[in-house]
Amino acid sequence: MFRPFGTAISSLRVKCTKLFEKKKCHIYSILFIISSIGNTTVFISLIKNRHRKLRINLMILNLTIADLIVTYIMIPLEICWRITNEWLAGDIVCRIMQAFRAFGPYLSSMVLVCISLDRCFAVIHPMKVNDAHRRSKIMLTFAWLISIVCSVPQVIFVCLFAFQIIILILIFLFQINQS
């Protein structure tokens, strides 16, 4: 099928995509700055007040660590990927960074589940305060272990060539859907 305006439309599509990627980079940069300031402030205040051995402080500290992993690993990785569209650091670093990229959100989600369960136990069993600190440490240990286990497939299955193949497949499918 002949399309006289096909080249103009595809060049417009490329320009719109580049503009959209630039906006994503700007949004990620703003999120990076806000998240860095907020999570670093919370982390420092919790470390300074660590003499107060409250369960919720321990939970919030772990949540802050998870959010700092997302802030300082995942967001810069996304910004660099959006700018360059290629990976220059090699296969091993790619696998490690992808594992951390998965680990941060997993850990954040698991710690939120731990906080929810801790609050649930506090409401249901308010008199069992003695077991609560030990239970929260056990829950947090499992949150870290489950997050690590869920991140391991990223090290095994993700590689530099997989990204290139996935991108080519997505471009091909996009071209087919536009036809």
Foldseek 3Di string as FASTA:
>chain_A
DDDPCVVVVVVVVVVVVLVVLVVVLVVLVVVLVVLCVVLVVLLVVLVVPVVPPDLVSVLVNQLSVLSVLCNPQVSVVSNVCSVPVADDPFWQVQLVSQLSNQLSVQLNVQSVVLVVVLVVCCVVPVPPPVCSNVVSVVSNVVSNVVSNVVSVVSNVPDGRVVVVVVVVVVVVVVVVVVD
